[in-house]
Amino acid sequence: MSAAGVKEVSLPTMRARGHRRRRCPLLALLATAMLPLAESLAAGPEGELPSPEAVWEAIKTQHFGSRPIESGEGIITLEAPARAEEPAFTPIHIGLPAQVLSGARQLSRVLLFVDMNPEPLALELRGGYAGLPATFATRVRVERYSHVRAIAETNEGRLHMAEAFVEASGGCSAPPQARAGEGSVGEMRFSSPLGEGKQVQVSIRHPNASGLQRDPWTHDWIPPHFIRSLAVSHAGQLVFHARTGISMSENPTLRFTLPGNVGVAQLQVEAMDSTGELYQQEWRSSPSAEEE
């Protein structure tokens, strides 16, 4: 048993090009309780995967207890491909109707789950002084055929869900596109496509390593190294805060519509990764599409 009370499972190791044998960093994740569902879902026969229904019940209980989850119709929309062409870069789009953002049932947060991923919670989004963005798009890893769910919580605590089913495999364990050390980790790019109002896109150069990948050159396990949180501010006031994890893609990209009277100038982005490294960038003037 690990320090977190999670039963450790022997995973294959391999010797490559003279490198010493190393255990999968997934075990370190288990030991630090980064995968809190593992213990509750480990009751079946060894090697038998839990059913999708059991996984979702465990996720619901962990995050929402016994609270009911209502339909998201008219409250939240979710777009995801039926079959992911690149499981490590599966596009996701969340929409929040204007009447919801400004009406009586205003939202406090949005959560995005990929049920069958090792860490199902991919994103938790909370609005700032002007409320949540009306649209939010990103790319996630999908490890197995899975339901993807976007859940909106109102200020009164009511939950509304939109869902999609995505056929994909290997997104969390897919090898990185760039070799470790290539490029400037934390470098950000910012764009506001012409003719698209207040829609902006922020991209961060970061491996966002899941801890389930092997280096394609050395075949060693790659330690987990990922963005934990990201905050966007305007003129010093918080626009939104996102809590993320290993389900986000390599080089995370966030595309969103600025809420209320927030302008595209004087935007600041602050991101922190799992090593505690802080990355910051500020744009004083409106960016052009060429910066993308």
C-alpha atoms as a PDB file:
ATOM      1  CA  MET A   1       0.000   0.000   0.000  1.00  0.00           C
ATOM      2  CA  SER A   2       1.240   3.516  -0.726  1.00  0.00           C
ATOM      3  CA  ALA A   3       1.348   6.407   1.694  1.00  0.00           C
ATOM      4  CA  ALA A   4      -2.042   7.498   0.378  1.00  0.00           C
ATOM      5  CA  GLY A   5      -3.564   4.087   1.044  1.00  0.00           C
ATOM      6  CA  VAL A   6      -3.722   3.239  -2.647  1.00  0.00           C
ATOM      7  CA  LYS A   7      -2.760  -0.254  -3.725  1.00  0.00           C
ATOM      8  CA  GLU A   8       0.264  -0.070  -5.991  1.00  0.00           C
ATOM      9  CA  VAL A   9       0.137  -2.069  -9.190  1.00  0.00           C
ATOM     10  CA  SER A  10       3.283  -3.411 -10.808  1.00  0.00           C
ATOM     11  CA  LEU A  11       3.833  -1.708 -14.123  1.00  0.00           C
ATOM     12  CA  PRO A  12       6.275  -2.754 -16.798  1.00  0.00           C
ATOM     13  CA  THR A  13       9.712  -1.218 -16.867  1.00  0.00           C
ATOM     14  CA  MET A  14      12.274  -1.422 -19.591  1.00  0.00           C
ATOM     15  CA  ARG A  15      15.978  -0.869 -20.084  1.00  0.00           C
ATOM     16  CA  ALA A  16      16.811   1.357 -23.042  1.00  0.00           C
ATOM     17  CA  ARG A  17      20.133   2.443 -24.447  1.00  0.00           C
ATOM     18  CA  GLY A  18      22.011   1.921 -21.201  1.00  0.00           C
ATOM     19  CA  HIS A  19      19.527   3.852 -19.058  1.00  0.00           C
ATOM     20  CA  ARG A  20      18.658   2.515 -15.627  1.00  0.00           C
ATOM     21  CA  ARG A  21      15.296   0.898 -15.016  1.00  0.00           C
ATOM     22  CA  ARG A  22      12.663   3.360 -13.889  1.00  0.00           C
ATOM     23  CA  ARG A  23       9.156   2.927 -12.590  1.00  0.00           C
ATOM     24  CA  CYS A  24       6.270   4.707 -14.207  1.00  0.00           C
ATOM     25  CA  PRO A  25       5.729   8.134 -12.581  1.00  0.00           C
ATOM     26  CA  LEU A  26       2.062   7.158 -12.335  1.00  0.00           C
ATOM     27  CA  LEU A  27       2.970   5.426  -9.060  1.00  0.00           C
ATOM     28  CA  ALA A  28       4.213   8.736  -7.691  1.00  0.00           C
ATOM     29  CA  LEU A  29       0.909  10.302  -8.676  1.00  0.00           C
ATOM     30  CA  LEU A  30      -0.952   7.596  -6.781  1.00  0.00           C
ATOM     31  CA  ALA A  31       1.254   8.059  -3.736  1.00  0.00           C
ATOM     32  CA  THR A  32       0.422  11.764  -3.579  1.00  0.00           C
ATOM     33  CA  ALA A  33      -3.299  11.066  -4.056  1.00  0.00           C
ATOM     34  CA  MET A  34      -3.371  12.890  -7.356  1.00  0.00           C
ATOM     35  CA  LEU A  35      -5.684  10.154  -8.610  1.00  0.00           C
ATOM     36  CA  PRO A  36      -8.236  10.097  -5.757  1.00  0.00           C
ATOM     37  CA  LEU A  37     -10.614   7.769  -7.603  1.00  0.00           C
ATOM     38  CA  ALA A  38      -8.090   4.954  -7.807  1.00  0.00           C
ATOM     39  CA  GLU A  39      -8.790   3.454  -4.397  1.00  0.00           C
ATOM     40  CA  SER A  40     -12.579   3.493  -4.700  1.00  0.00           C
ATOM     41  CA  LEU A  41     -12.427   1.855  -8.128  1.00  0.00           C
ATOM     42  CA  ALA A  42      -9.861  -0.828  -7.279  1.00  0.00           C
ATOM     43  CA  ALA A  43     -12.318  -3.279  -5.729  1.00  0.00           C
ATOM     44  CA  GLY A  44     -12.807  -5.502  -8.800  1.00  0.00           C
ATOM     45  CA  PRO A  45     -10.691  -8.508  -9.813  1.00  0.00           C
ATOM     46  CA  GLU A  46      -7.089  -7.588 -10.592  1.00  0.00           C
ATOM     47  CA  GLY A  47      -6.733  -6.377 -14.155  1.00  0.00           C
ATOM     48  CA  GLU A  48     -10.466  -5.790 -14.609  1.00  0.00           C
ATOM     49  CA  LEU A  49     -11.311  -2.221 -15.564  1.00  0.00           C
ATOM     50  CA  PRO A  50     -14.249  -0.575 -13.785  1.00  0.00           C
ATOM     51  CA  SER A  51     -17.389   0.009 -15.846  1.00  0.00           C
ATOM     52  CA  PRO A  52     -18.068   3.508 -17.227  1.00  0.00           C
ATOM     53  CA  GLU A  53     -21.136   3.676 -14.974  1.00  0.00           C
ATOM     54  CA  ALA A  54     -19.058   2.905 -11.883  1.00  0.00           C
ATOM     55  CA  VAL A  55     -16.471   5.501 -12.864  1.00  0.00           C
ATOM     56  CA  TRP A  56     -19.086   8.219 -13.319  1.00  0.00           C
ATOM     57  CA  GLU A  57     -20.770   7.361 -10.009  1.00  0.00           C
ATOM     58  CA  ALA A  58     -17.399   7.686  -8.263  1.00  0.00           C
ATOM     59  CA  ILE A  59     -16.718  11.028  -9.957  1.00  0.00           C
ATOM     60  CA  LYS A  60     -20.152  12.371  -8.991  1.00  0.00           C
ATOM     61  CA  THR A  61     -19.769  11.279  -5.388  1.00  0.00           C
ATOM     62  CA  GLN A  62     -16.291  12.750  -5.075  1.00  0.00           C
ATOM     63  CA  HIS A  63     -17.148  16.156  -6.535  1.00  0.00           C
ATOM     64  CA  PHE A  64     -20.852  16.644  -5.818  1.00  0.00           C
ATOM     65  CA  GLY A  65     -21.869  14.164  -3.136  1.00  0.00           C
ATOM     66  CA  SER A  66     -25.545  13.258  -3.486  1.00  0.00           C
ATOM     67  CA  ARG A  67     -26.596  16.504  -5.173  1.00  0.00           C
ATOM     68  CA  PRO A  68     -28.806  15.987  -8.251  1.00  0.00           C
ATOM     69  CA  ILE A  69     -27.487  16.948 -11.685  1.00  0.00           C
ATOM     70  CA  GLU A  70     -30.068  18.405 -14.066  1.00  0.00           C
ATOM     71  CA  SER A  71     -30.099  18.705 -17.842  1.00  0.00           C
ATOM     72  CA  GLY A  72     -27.904  21.425 -19.264  1.00  0.00           C
ATOM     73  CA  GLU A  73     -30.426  22.394 -21.946  1.00  0.00           C
ATOM     74  CA  GLY A  74     -30.584  26.175 -22.180  1.00  0.00           C
ATOM     75  CA  ILE A  75     -27.809  26.499 -19.590  1.00  0.00           C
ATOM     76  CA  ILE A  76     -24.617  25.032 -21.052  1.00  0.00           C
ATOM     77  CA  THR A  77     -23.536  23.484 -24.352  1.00  0.00           C
ATOM     78  CA  LEU A  78     -20.665  21.136 -25.114  1.00  0.00           C
ATOM     79  CA  GLU A  79     -19.145  20.337 -28.497  1.00  0.00           C
ATOM     80  CA  ALA A  80     -16.670  17.478 -28.929  1.00  0.00           C
ATOM     81  CA  PRO A  81     -15.842  15.190 -31.865  1.00  0.00           C
ATOM     82  CA  ALA A  82     -17.517  11.779 -31.962  1.00  0.00           C
ATOM     83  CA  ARG A  83     -14.127  10.334 -32.930  1.00  0.00           C
ATOM     84  CA  ALA A  84     -10.916  12.148 -32.032  1.00  0.00           C
ATOM     85  CA  GLU A  85      -8.415  12.324 -34.891  1.00  0.00           C
ATOM     86  CA  GLU A  86      -5.647  13.188 -32.411  1.00  0.00           C
ATOM     87  CA  PRO A  87      -6.573  11.827 -28.955  1.00  0.00           C
ATOM     88  CA  ALA A  88      -3.872  13.935 -27.292  1.00  0.00           C
ATOM     89  CA  PHE A  89      -5.356  17.105 -28.831  1.00  0.00           C
ATOM     90  CA  THR A  90      -9.124  16.564 -28.712  1.00  0.00           C
ATOM     91  CA  PRO A  91     -10.957  19.880 -29.284  1.00  0.00           C
ATOM     92  CA  ILE A  92     -13.610  20.876 -26.755  1.00  0.00           C
ATOM     93  CA  HIS A  93     -15.972  23.869 -26.942  1.00  0.00           C
ATOM     94  CA  ILE A  94     -18.191  25.056 -24.082  1.00  0.00           C
ATOM     95  CA  GLY A  95     -20.935  27.644 -24.563  1.00  0.00           C
ATOM     96  CA  LEU A  96     -22.929  29.605 -21.985  1.00  0.00           C
ATOM     97  CA  PRO A  97     -26.009  31.504 -23.296  1.00  0.00           C
ATOM     98  CA  ALA A  98     -26.107  35.228 -22.579  1.00  0.00           C
ATOM     99  CA  GLN A  99     -29.387  34.955 -20.658  1.00  0.00           C
ATOM    100  CA  VAL A 100     -27.744  32.528 -18.243  1.00  0.00           C
ATOM    101  CA  LEU A 101     -24.733  34.751 -17.638  1.00  0.00           C
ATOM    102  CA  SER A 102     -26.893  37.807 -16.936  1.00  0.00           C
ATOM    103  CA  GLY A 103     -30.091  36.203 -15.592  1.00  0.00           C
ATOM    104  CA  ALA A 104     -31.271  35.104 -12.178  1.00  0.00           C
ATOM    105  CA  ARG A 105     -29.451  31.762 -12.370  1.00  0.00           C
ATOM    106  CA  GLN A 106     -25.964  33.161 -12.756  1.00  0.00           C
ATOM    107  CA  LEU A 107     -23.161  30.624 -12.782  1.00  0.00           C
ATOM    108  CA  SER A 108     -20.378  30.320 -10.237  1.00  0.00           C
ATOM    109  CA  ARG A 109     -18.217  27.766 -12.051  1.00  0.00           C
ATOM    110  CA  VAL A 110     -17.942  25.256 -14.900  1.00  0.00           C
ATOM    111  CA  LEU A 111     -16.246  21.864 -14.616  1.00  0.00           C
ATOM    112  CA  LEU A 112     -15.061  19.657 -17.471  1.00  0.00           C
ATOM    113  CA  PHE A 113     -14.633  15.905 -16.973  1.00  0.00           C
ATOM    114  CA  VAL A 114     -13.210  13.163 -19.176  1.00  0.00           C
ATOM    115  CA  ASP A 115     -14.619  10.173 -17.314  1.00  0.00           C
ATOM    116  CA  MET A 116     -12.163   7.462 -18.306  1.00  0.00           C
ATOM    117  CA  ASN A 117      -8.966   9.491 -17.973  1.00  0.00           C
ATOM    118  CA  PRO A 118      -6.596   8.684 -15.070  1.00  0.00           C
ATOM    119  CA  GLU A 119      -7.452  12.131 -13.701  1.00  0.00           C
ATOM    120  CA  PRO A 120     -11.041  12.793 -14.867  1.00  0.00           C
ATOM    121  CA  LEU A 121     -11.292  16.478 -13.885  1.00  0.00           C
ATOM    122  CA  ALA A 122      -9.715  18.295 -16.817  1.00  0.00           C
ATOM    123  CA  LEU A 123     -10.763  21.849 -16.006  1.00  0.00           C
ATOM    124  CA  GLU A 124     -12.499  23.944 -13.367  1.00  0.00           C
ATOM    125  CA  LEU A 125     -13.363  27.438 -14.559  1.00  0.00           C
ATOM    126  CA  ARG A 126     -14.439  30.282 -12.258  1.00  0.00           C
ATOM    127  CA  GLY A 127     -15.398  33.749 -13.415  1.00  0.00           C
ATOM    128  CA  GLY A 128     -13.984  37.017 -12.137  1.00  0.00           C
ATOM    129  CA  TYR A 129     -15.469  40.469 -11.699  1.00  0.00           C
ATOM    130  CA  ALA A 130     -17.429  40.367 -14.988  1.00  0.00           C
ATOM    131  CA  GLY A 131     -18.623  36.751 -14.781  1.00  0.00           C
ATOM    132  CA  LEU A 132     -17.731  33.674 -16.807  1.00  0.00           C
ATOM    133  CA  PRO A 133     -16.743  33.804 -20.494  1.00  0.00           C
ATOM    134  CA  ALA A 134     -19.661  33.118 -22.875  1.00  0.00           C
ATOM    135  CA  THR A 135     -17.520  30.664 -24.851  1.00  0.00           C
ATOM    136  CA  PHE A 136     -14.486  28.638 -23.883  1.00  0.00           C
ATOM    137  CA  ALA A 137     -12.522  26.220 -26.050  1.00  0.00           C
ATOM    138  CA  THR A 138      -9.453  24.113 -25.394  1.00  0.00           C
ATOM    139  CA  ARG A 139      -7.835  20.763 -26.273  1.00  0.00           C
ATOM    140  CA  VAL A 140      -7.717  17.771 -23.961  1.00  0.00           C
ATOM    141  CA  ARG A 141      -6.227  14.298 -23.810  1.00  0.00           C
ATOM    142  CA  VAL A 142      -8.631  11.342 -24.053  1.00  0.00           C
ATOM    143  CA  GLU A 143      -7.108   8.037 -22.954  1.00  0.00           C
ATOM    144  CA  ARG A 144     -10.028   5.676 -23.672  1.00  0.00           C
ATOM    145  CA  TYR A 145     -13.501   5.764 -25.195  1.00  0.00           C
ATOM    146  CA  SER A 146     -15.186   8.119 -22.758  1.00  0.00           C
ATOM    147  CA  HIS A 147     -18.031  10.419 -21.906  1.00  0.00           C
ATOM    148  CA  VAL A 148     -16.933  14.045 -21.739  1.00  0.00           C
ATOM    149  CA  ARG A 149     -19.089  16.195 -19.469  1.00  0.00           C
ATOM    150  CA  ALA A 150     -19.389  19.939 -18.895  1.00  0.00           C
ATOM    151  CA  ILE A 151     -21.183  20.816 -15.668  1.00  0.00           C
ATOM    152  CA  ALA A 152     -22.320  24.331 -14.787  1.00  0.00           C
ATOM    153  CA  GLU A 153     -23.011  25.242 -11.171  1.00  0.00           C
ATOM    154  CA  THR A 154     -25.297  28.180 -10.377  1.00  0.00           C
ATOM    155  CA  ASN A 155     -24.804  30.578  -7.497  1.00  0.00           C
ATOM    156  CA  GLU A 156     -27.623  28.700  -5.736  1.00  0.00           C
ATOM    157  CA  GLY A 157     -25.718  25.430  -6.057  1.00  0.00           C
ATOM    158  CA  ARG A 158     -27.821  23.797  -8.797  1.00  0.00           C
ATOM    159  CA  LEU A 159     -25.921  21.615 -11.273  1.00  0.00           C
ATOM    160  CA  HIS A 160     -26.597  21.379 -15.019  1.00  0.00           C
ATOM    161  CA  MET A 161     -24.778  19.002 -17.373  1.00  0.00           C
ATOM    162  CA  ALA A 162     -24.092  18.726 -21.097  1.00  0.00           C
ATOM    163  CA  GLU A 163     -22.276  15.637 -22.333  1.00  0.00           C
ATOM    164  CA  ALA A 164     -20.768  13.980 -25.396  1.00  0.00           C
ATOM    165  CA  PHE A 165     -19.193  10.607 -26.100  1.00  0.00           C
ATOM    166  CA  VAL A 166     -15.737  10.597 -27.678  1.00  0.00           C
ATOM    167  CA  GLU A 167     -14.075   7.596 -29.286  1.00  0.00           C
ATOM    168  CA  ALA A 168     -10.344   7.894 -28.672  1.00  0.00           C
ATOM    169  CA  SER A 169      -7.474   5.953 -27.171  1.00  0.00           C
ATOM    170  CA  GLY A 170      -3.998   6.704 -25.902  1.00  0.00           C
ATOM    171  CA  GLY A 171      -4.295  10.468 -25.481  1.00  0.00           C
ATOM    172  CA  CYS A 172      -2.738  10.545 -22.005  1.00  0.00           C
ATOM    173  CA  SER A 173       0.088   8.174 -22.917  1.00  0.00           C
ATOM    174  CA  ALA A 174       0.830   9.546 -26.405  1.00  0.00           C
ATOM    175  CA  PRO A 175       4.511  10.527 -26.822  1.00  0.00           C
ATOM    176  CA  PRO A 176       5.266  14.254 -26.780  1.00  0.00           C
ATOM    177  CA  GLN A 177       5.537  16.131 -30.048  1.00  0.00           C
ATOM    178  CA  ALA A 178       8.574  18.087 -28.872  1.00  0.00           C
ATOM    179  CA  ARG A 179      11.621  16.699 -27.106  1.00  0.00           C
ATOM    180  CA  ALA A 180      12.150  17.793 -23.510  1.00  0.00           C
ATOM    181  CA  GLY A 181      14.113  21.031 -23.366  1.00  0.00           C
ATOM    182  CA  GLU A 182      13.126  22.187 -26.848  1.00  0.00           C
ATOM    183  CA  GLY A 183      11.735  25.713 -26.986  1.00  0.00           C
ATOM    184  CA  SER A 184      11.144  28.112 -24.113  1.00  0.00           C
ATOM    185  CA  VAL A 185       8.828  26.559 -21.525  1.00  0.00           C
ATOM    186  CA  GLY A 186       6.262  29.114 -20.389  1.00  0.00           C
ATOM    187  CA  GLU A 187       6.442  31.223 -23.542  1.00  0.00           C
ATOM    188  CA  MET A 188       2.974  32.580 -24.354  1.00  0.00           C
ATOM    189  CA  ARG A 189       1.291  33.652 -27.550  1.00  0.00           C
ATOM    190  CA  PHE A 190      -1.797  35.802 -27.615  1.00  0.00           C
ATOM    191  CA  SER A 191      -4.161  36.640 -30.453  1.00  0.00           C
ATOM    192  CA  SER A 192      -7.522  38.238 -31.059  1.00  0.00           C
ATOM    193  CA  PRO A 193      -8.732  37.119 -34.505  1.00  0.00           C
ATOM    194  CA  LEU A 194      -9.913  40.019 -36.620  1.00  0.00           C
ATOM    195  CA  GLY A 195     -13.660  40.211 -37.120  1.00  0.00           C
ATOM    196  CA  GLU A 196     -14.469  37.990 -34.130  1.00  0.00           C
ATOM    197  CA  GLY A 197     -15.358  40.608 -31.538  1.00  0.00           C
ATOM    198  CA  LYS A 198     -13.796  40.047 -28.142  1.00  0.00           C
ATOM    199  CA  GLN A 199     -12.662  36.487 -28.731  1.00  0.00           C
ATOM    200  CA  VAL A 200      -9.063  35.877 -27.736  1.00  0.00           C
ATOM    201  CA  GLN A 201      -6.692  32.928 -27.732  1.00  0.00           C
ATOM    202  CA  VAL A 202      -3.818  32.245 -25.363  1.00  0.00           C
ATOM    203  CA  SER A 203      -1.285  29.481 -26.045  1.00  0.00           C
ATOM    204  CA  ILE A 204       1.407  28.395 -23.578  1.00  0.00           C
ATOM    205  CA  ARG A 205       4.499  26.432 -24.557  1.00  0.00           C
ATOM    206  CA  HIS A 206       4.604  23.651 -21.991  1.00  0.00           C
ATOM    207  CA  PRO A 207       5.048  19.852 -22.181  1.00  0.00           C
ATOM    208  CA  ASN A 208       2.040  19.271 -19.933  1.00  0.00           C
ATOM    209  CA  ALA A 209       3.449  15.791 -19.354  1.00  0.00           C
ATOM    210  CA  SER A 210       0.896  13.417 -17.854  1.00  0.00           C
ATOM    211  CA  GLY A 211       3.292  11.001 -16.146  1.00  0.00           C
ATOM    212  CA  LEU A 212       2.008   8.219 -18.410  1.00  0.00           C
ATOM    213  CA  GLN A 213       4.269   8.916 -21.390  1.00  0.00           C
ATOM    214  CA  ARG A 214       7.598   7.485 -22.490  1.00  0.00           C
ATOM    215  CA  ASP A 215      10.323   9.519 -24.099  1.00  0.00           C
ATOM    216  CA  PRO A 216      10.345   8.287 -27.718  1.00  0.00           C
ATOM    217  CA  TRP A 217      14.129   8.779 -27.901  1.00  0.00           C
ATOM    218  CA  THR A 218      15.237   7.142 -24.617  1.00  0.00           C
ATOM    219  CA  HIS A 219      12.116   5.093 -23.765  1.00  0.00           C
ATOM    220  CA  ASP A 220      12.325   6.323 -20.164  1.00  0.00           C
ATOM    221  CA  TRP A 221       9.154   7.365 -18.389  1.00  0.00           C
ATOM    222  CA  ILE A 222       8.624  11.130 -18.527  1.00  0.00           C
ATOM    223  CA  PRO A 223       7.899  12.627 -15.079  1.00  0.00           C
ATOM    224  CA  PRO A 224       4.593  14.488 -14.711  1.00  0.00           C
ATOM    225  CA  HIS A 225       5.019  18.189 -15.444  1.00  0.00           C
ATOM    226  CA  PHE A 226       1.863  20.129 -16.197  1.00  0.00           C
ATOM    227  CA  ILE A 227       0.037  23.437 -15.804  1.00  0.00           C
ATOM    228  CA  ARG A 228      -1.957  23.434 -12.546  1.00  0.00           C
ATOM    229  CA  SER A 229      -3.662  26.815 -12.770  1.00  0.00           C
ATOM    230  CA  LEU A 230      -4.097  29.764 -15.075  1.00  0.00           C
ATOM    231  CA  ALA A 231      -5.547  33.204 -14.395  1.00  0.00           C
ATOM    232  CA  VAL A 232      -6.496  35.896 -16.912  1.00  0.00           C
ATOM    233  CA  SER A 233      -6.834  39.482 -15.660  1.00  0.00           C
ATOM    234  CA  HIS A 234      -7.769  42.801 -17.247  1.00  0.00           C
ATOM    235  CA  ALA A 235      -6.193  45.985 -15.920  1.00  0.00           C
ATOM    236  CA  GLY A 236      -5.399  44.150 -12.689  1.00  0.00           C
ATOM    237  CA  GLN A 237      -8.874  42.650 -12.170  1.00  0.00           C
ATOM    238  CA  LEU A 238      -9.488  38.913 -12.483  1.00  0.00           C
ATOM    239  CA  VAL A 239     -11.394  37.868 -15.618  1.00  0.00           C
ATOM    240  CA  PHE A 240     -11.364  34.135 -14.897  1.00  0.00           C
ATOM    241  CA  HIS A 241      -9.355  31.462 -13.128  1.00  0.00           C
ATOM    242  CA  ALA A 242      -8.842  27.939 -14.493  1.00  0.00           C
ATOM    243  CA  ARG A 243      -7.661  24.924 -12.511  1.00  0.00           C
ATOM    244  CA  THR A 244      -6.223  22.300 -14.837  1.00  0.00           C
ATOM    245  CA  GLY A 245      -4.285  19.022 -14.762  1.00  0.00           C
ATOM    246  CA  ILE A 246      -2.848  16.148 -16.778  1.00  0.00           C
ATOM    247  CA  SER A 247      -5.895  15.911 -19.051  1.00  0.00           C
ATOM    248  CA  MET A 248      -4.960  19.144 -20.819  1.00  0.00           C
ATOM    249  CA  SER A 249      -2.977  18.810 -24.039  1.00  0.00           C
ATOM    250  CA  GLU A 250       0.676  19.566 -24.619  1.00  0.00           C
ATOM    251  CA  ASN A 251       1.189  23.306 -25.222  1.00  0.00           C
ATOM    252  CA  PRO A 252      -2.241  24.225 -23.768  1.00  0.00           C
ATOM    253  CA  THR A 253      -4.373  26.569 -25.829  1.00  0.00           C
ATOM    254  CA  LEU A 254      -7.373  28.446 -24.436  1.00  0.00           C
ATOM    255  CA  ARG A 255      -9.792  30.337 -26.657  1.00  0.00           C
ATOM    256  CA  PHE A 256     -12.520  32.381 -24.986  1.00  0.00           C
ATOM    257  CA  THR A 257     -14.882  35.316 -25.337  1.00  0.00           C
ATOM    258  CA  LEU A 258     -14.171  38.143 -22.935  1.00  0.00           C
ATOM    259  CA  PRO A 259     -17.190  38.821 -20.707  1.00  0.00           C
ATOM    260  CA  GLY A 260     -19.019  42.084 -20.090  1.00  0.00           C
ATOM    261  CA  ASN A 261     -17.117  45.276 -20.811  1.00  0.00           C
ATOM    262  CA  VAL A 262     -13.686  43.637 -20.685  1.00  0.00           C
ATOM    263  CA  GLY A 263     -11.466  44.778 -23.562  1.00  0.00           C
ATOM    264  CA  VAL A 264      -8.701  42.908 -25.344  1.00  0.00           C
ATOM    265  CA  ALA A 265      -6.067  45.457 -24.306  1.00  0.00           C
ATOM    266  CA  GLN A 266      -4.306  45.395 -20.916  1.00  0.00           C
ATOM    267  CA  LEU A 267      -4.669  41.646 -20.457  1.00  0.00           C
ATOM    268  CA  GLN A 268      -2.418  39.715 -18.093  1.00  0.00           C
ATOM    269  CA  VAL A 269      -1.991  35.938 -17.950  1.00  0.00           C
ATOM    270  CA  GLU A 270      -0.420  34.083 -15.037  1.00  0.00           C
ATOM    271  CA  ALA A 271       0.117  30.311 -15.052  1.00  0.00           C
ATOM    272  CA  MET A 272       1.657  27.977 -12.478  1.00  0.00           C
ATOM    273  CA  ASP A 273       2.815  24.433 -13.159  1.00  0.00           C
ATOM    274  CA  SER A 274       3.193  21.328 -11.010  1.00  0.00           C
ATOM    275  CA  THR A 275       6.790  22.204 -10.100  1.00  0.00           C
ATOM    276  CA  GLY A 276       5.702  25.577  -8.698  1.00  0.00           C
ATOM    277  CA  GLU A 277       7.170  27.497 -11.642  1.00  0.00           C
ATOM    278  CA  LEU A 278       5.273  30.718 -12.365  1.00  0.00           C
ATOM    279  CA  TYR A 279       4.857  32.113 -15.887  1.00  0.00           C
ATOM    280  CA  GLN A 280       3.525  35.598 -16.578  1.00  0.00           C
ATOM    281  CA  GLN A 281       2.800  37.669 -19.655  1.00  0.00           C
ATOM    282  CA  GLU A 282       1.094  41.007 -20.196  1.00  0.00           C
ATOM    283  CA  TRP A 283      -0.288  42.676 -23.321  1.00  0.00           C
ATOM    284  CA  ARG A 284      -0.789  46.428 -23.112  1.00  0.00           C
ATOM    285  CA  SER A 285      -2.313  46.913 -26.569  1.00  0.00           C
ATOM    286  CA  SER A 286      -4.745  44.941 -28.671  1.00  0.00           C
ATOM    287  CA  PRO A 287      -2.986  42.042 -30.406  1.00  0.00           C
ATOM    288  CA  SER A 288      -3.449  41.276 -34.063  1.00  0.00           C
ATOM    289  CA  ALA A 289      -4.273  37.965 -35.671  1.00  0.00           C
ATOM    290  CA  GLU A 290      -0.654  37.719 -36.847  1.00  0.00           C
ATOM    291  CA  GLU A 291       0.527  37.108 -33.276  1.00  0.00           C
ATOM    292  CA  GLU A 292      -1.223  33.746 -33.180  1.00  0.00           C
END
